[in-house]
Amino acid sequence: MIALLHGRMLKEHHKRELERKYKIAEIGLKHVSEDLKQRITAKATKIRRYENRNKQFHQNRLSETDQRKFYTELSGDKISSDMTPDSEEAKQFWESIWSIESTHH
């Protein structure tokens, strides 16, 4: 369609097919191209709305089942379980907590 608009050469059968499909001779080339642009914009908006709706349903389901994962996804933080803690650090951490004596009622 753009090639026709800019006057570039197309194969004759492609040109005839486009003219027949969009009735370019009756409506006019600029009107047809504007109509196609509007259709593309409408489809893109529909797809965007569909993706947002799916995201909303996913987040609703996640907030009901796993709130921790839901809030992690909202904040965008990625928890990586690749890093293992150093055993010496872990030992010192827990010793500092358990070594403090306290009495409870």
C-alpha atoms as a PDB file:
ATOM      1  CA  MET A   1       0.000   0.000   0.000  1.00  0.00           C
ATOM      2  CA  ILE A   2       2.827   2.405   0.837  1.00  0.00           C
ATOM      3  CA  ALA A   3       4.559   1.508  -2.418  1.00  0.00           C
ATOM      4  CA  LEU A   4       1.442   2.534  -4.326  1.00  0.00           C
ATOM      5  CA  LEU A   5       1.216   5.753  -2.354  1.00  0.00           C
ATOM      6  CA  HIS A   6       4.819   6.709  -3.098  1.00  0.00           C
ATOM      7  CA  GLY A   7       4.572   5.699  -6.757  1.00  0.00           C
ATOM      8  CA  ARG A   8       7.027   2.813  -6.571  1.00  0.00           C
ATOM      9  CA  MET A   9       6.705  -0.024  -9.011  1.00  0.00           C
ATOM     10  CA  LEU A  10       4.835  -3.139  -7.961  1.00  0.00           C
ATOM     11  CA  LYS A  11       4.214  -6.292  -9.877  1.00  0.00           C
ATOM     12  CA  GLU A  12       1.092  -5.854 -11.931  1.00  0.00           C
ATOM     13  CA  HIS A  13      -0.833  -8.719 -10.315  1.00  0.00           C
ATOM     14  CA  HIS A  14      -0.120  -7.346  -6.801  1.00  0.00           C
ATOM     15  CA  LYS A  15      -1.312  -3.926  -7.891  1.00  0.00           C
ATOM     16  CA  ARG A  16      -4.536  -5.318  -9.375  1.00  0.00           C
ATOM     17  CA  GLU A  17      -5.178  -7.421  -6.256  1.00  0.00           C
ATOM     18  CA  LEU A  18      -4.769  -4.417  -3.938  1.00  0.00           C
ATOM     19  CA  GLU A  19      -6.991  -2.259  -6.130  1.00  0.00           C
ATOM     20  CA  ARG A  20      -9.685  -4.950  -6.185  1.00  0.00           C
ATOM     21  CA  LYS A  21      -9.492  -5.733  -2.456  1.00  0.00           C
ATOM     22  CA  TYR A  22      -9.610  -2.144  -1.193  1.00  0.00           C
ATOM     23  CA  LYS A  23     -11.559  -0.544  -4.103  1.00  0.00           C
ATOM     24  CA  ILE A  24      -8.854   2.062  -4.529  1.00  0.00           C
ATOM     25  CA  ALA A  25     -10.316   3.418  -7.775  1.00  0.00           C
ATOM     26  CA  GLU A  26     -13.666   4.215  -6.091  1.00  0.00           C
ATOM     27  CA  ILE A  27     -12.520   5.410  -2.652  1.00  0.00           C
ATOM     28  CA  GLY A  28      -9.100   6.865  -3.339  1.00  0.00           C
ATOM     29  CA  LEU A  29      -5.631   5.794  -2.304  1.00  0.00           C
ATOM     30  CA  LYS A  30      -5.150   8.274   0.545  1.00  0.00           C
ATOM     31  CA  HIS A  31      -8.494   7.381   2.120  1.00  0.00           C
ATOM     32  CA  VAL A  32      -7.721   3.664   1.926  1.00  0.00           C
ATOM     33  CA  SER A  33      -4.260   4.100   3.452  1.00  0.00           C
ATOM     34  CA  GLU A  34      -5.697   6.238   6.285  1.00  0.00           C
ATOM     35  CA  ASP A  35      -8.377   3.608   6.908  1.00  0.00           C
ATOM     36  CA  LEU A  36      -5.740   0.860   7.129  1.00  0.00           C
ATOM     37  CA  LYS A  37      -3.646   2.939   9.565  1.00  0.00           C
ATOM     38  CA  GLN A  38      -6.697   3.371  11.791  1.00  0.00           C
ATOM     39  CA  ARG A  39      -7.415  -0.366  11.680  1.00  0.00           C
ATOM     40  CA  ILE A  40      -3.831  -1.134  12.727  1.00  0.00           C
ATOM     41  CA  THR A  41      -4.063   1.361  15.595  1.00  0.00           C
ATOM     42  CA  ALA A  42      -7.361  -0.160  16.736  1.00  0.00           C
ATOM     43  CA  LYS A  43      -5.917  -3.693  16.680  1.00  0.00           C
ATOM     44  CA  ALA A  44      -2.835  -2.574  18.616  1.00  0.00           C
ATOM     45  CA  THR A  45      -5.053  -0.946  21.253  1.00  0.00           C
ATOM     46  CA  LYS A  46      -7.140  -4.102  21.509  1.00  0.00           C
ATOM     47  CA  ILE A  47      -4.030  -6.254  21.983  1.00  0.00           C
ATOM     48  CA  ARG A  48      -2.658  -3.857  24.626  1.00  0.00           C
ATOM     49  CA  ARG A  49      -5.984  -3.940  26.488  1.00  0.00           C
ATOM     50  CA  TYR A  50      -6.004  -7.767  26.333  1.00  0.00           C
ATOM     51  CA  GLU A  51      -2.452  -7.986  27.720  1.00  0.00           C
ATOM     52  CA  ASN A  52      -3.279  -5.577  30.554  1.00  0.00           C
ATOM     53  CA  ARG A  53      -6.381  -7.604  31.388  1.00  0.00           C
ATOM     54  CA  ASN A  54      -4.388 -10.845  31.515  1.00  0.00           C
ATOM     55  CA  LYS A  55      -1.804  -9.178  33.750  1.00  0.00           C
ATOM     56  CA  GLN A  56      -4.573  -7.986  36.067  1.00  0.00           C
ATOM     57  CA  PHE A  57      -6.126 -11.466  36.324  1.00  0.00           C
ATOM     58  CA  HIS A  58      -2.694 -12.982  36.989  1.00  0.00           C
ATOM     59  CA  GLN A  59      -1.983 -10.451  39.752  1.00  0.00           C
ATOM     60  CA  ASN A  60      -5.409 -10.974  41.332  1.00  0.00           C
ATOM     61  CA  ARG A  61      -4.925 -14.737  41.382  1.00  0.00           C
ATOM     62  CA  LEU A  62      -1.406 -14.344  42.759  1.00  0.00           C
ATOM     63  CA  SER A  63      -2.528 -11.956  45.515  1.00  0.00           C
ATOM     64  CA  GLU A  64      -5.089 -14.531  46.661  1.00  0.00           C
ATOM     65  CA  THR A  65      -2.760 -17.529  46.585  1.00  0.00           C
ATOM     66  CA  ASP A  66       0.786 -16.260  47.211  1.00  0.00           C
ATOM     67  CA  GLN A  67       0.988 -12.721  48.561  1.00  0.00           C
ATOM     68  CA  ARG A  68       4.758 -12.840  49.007  1.00  0.00           C
ATOM     69  CA  LYS A  69       5.334 -13.618  45.339  1.00  0.00           C
ATOM     70  CA  PHE A  70       2.725 -11.006  44.376  1.00  0.00           C
ATOM     71  CA  TYR A  71       4.489  -8.196  46.234  1.00  0.00           C
ATOM     72  CA  THR A  72       7.869  -9.371  44.977  1.00  0.00           C
ATOM     73  CA  GLU A  73       6.604  -9.132  41.389  1.00  0.00           C
ATOM     74  CA  LEU A  74       5.124  -5.690  42.043  1.00  0.00           C
ATOM     75  CA  SER A  75       8.376  -4.331  43.414  1.00  0.00           C
ATOM     76  CA  GLY A  76      10.349  -5.876  40.570  1.00  0.00           C
ATOM     77  CA  ASP A  77      12.928  -7.434  42.875  1.00  0.00           C
ATOM     78  CA  LYS A  78      14.213 -10.776  41.760  1.00  0.00           C
ATOM     79  CA  ILE A  79      15.111 -13.201  44.523  1.00  0.00           C
ATOM     80  CA  SER A  80      18.014 -15.346  43.481  1.00  0.00           C
ATOM     81  CA  SER A  81      18.612 -18.616  45.259  1.00  0.00           C
ATOM     82  CA  ASP A  82      21.941 -19.134  43.503  1.00  0.00           C
ATOM     83  CA  MET A  83      24.015 -17.627  46.292  1.00  0.00           C
ATOM     84  CA  THR A  84      24.538 -19.898  49.303  1.00  0.00           C
ATOM     85  CA  PRO A  85      25.407 -18.289  52.613  1.00  0.00           C
ATOM     86  CA  ASP A  86      28.827 -18.784  54.141  1.00  0.00           C
ATOM     87  CA  SER A  87      28.643 -21.401  56.914  1.00  0.00           C
ATOM     88  CA  GLU A  88      30.860 -19.379  59.248  1.00  0.00           C
ATOM     89  CA  GLU A  89      28.677 -16.276  58.873  1.00  0.00           C
ATOM     90  CA  ALA A  90      25.533 -18.288  59.506  1.00  0.00           C
ATOM     91  CA  LYS A  91      27.068 -19.875  62.594  1.00  0.00           C
ATOM     92  CA  GLN A  92      28.083 -16.475  64.009  1.00  0.00           C
ATOM     93  CA  PHE A  93      24.659 -15.020  63.261  1.00  0.00           C
ATOM     94  CA  TRP A  94      22.757 -17.739  65.086  1.00  0.00           C
ATOM     95  CA  GLU A  95      25.228 -17.852  67.976  1.00  0.00           C
ATOM     96  CA  SER A  96      24.728 -14.130  68.561  1.00  0.00           C
ATOM     97  CA  ILE A  97      20.991 -14.686  68.777  1.00  0.00           C
ATOM     98  CA  TRP A  98      20.947 -17.870  70.871  1.00  0.00           C
ATOM     99  CA  SER A  99      23.765 -16.889  73.224  1.00  0.00           C
ATOM    100  CA  ILE A 100      21.706 -14.095  74.813  1.00  0.00           C
ATOM    101  CA  GLU A 101      19.919 -15.536  77.822  1.00  0.00           C
ATOM    102  CA  SER A 102      16.469 -14.319  78.610  1.00  0.00           C
ATOM    103  CA  THR A 103      13.644 -15.498  80.811  1.00  0.00           C
ATOM    104  CA  HIS A 104      10.089 -15.744  79.668  1.00  0.00           C
ATOM    105  CA  HIS A 105       6.914 -16.179  81.641  1.00  0.00           C
END
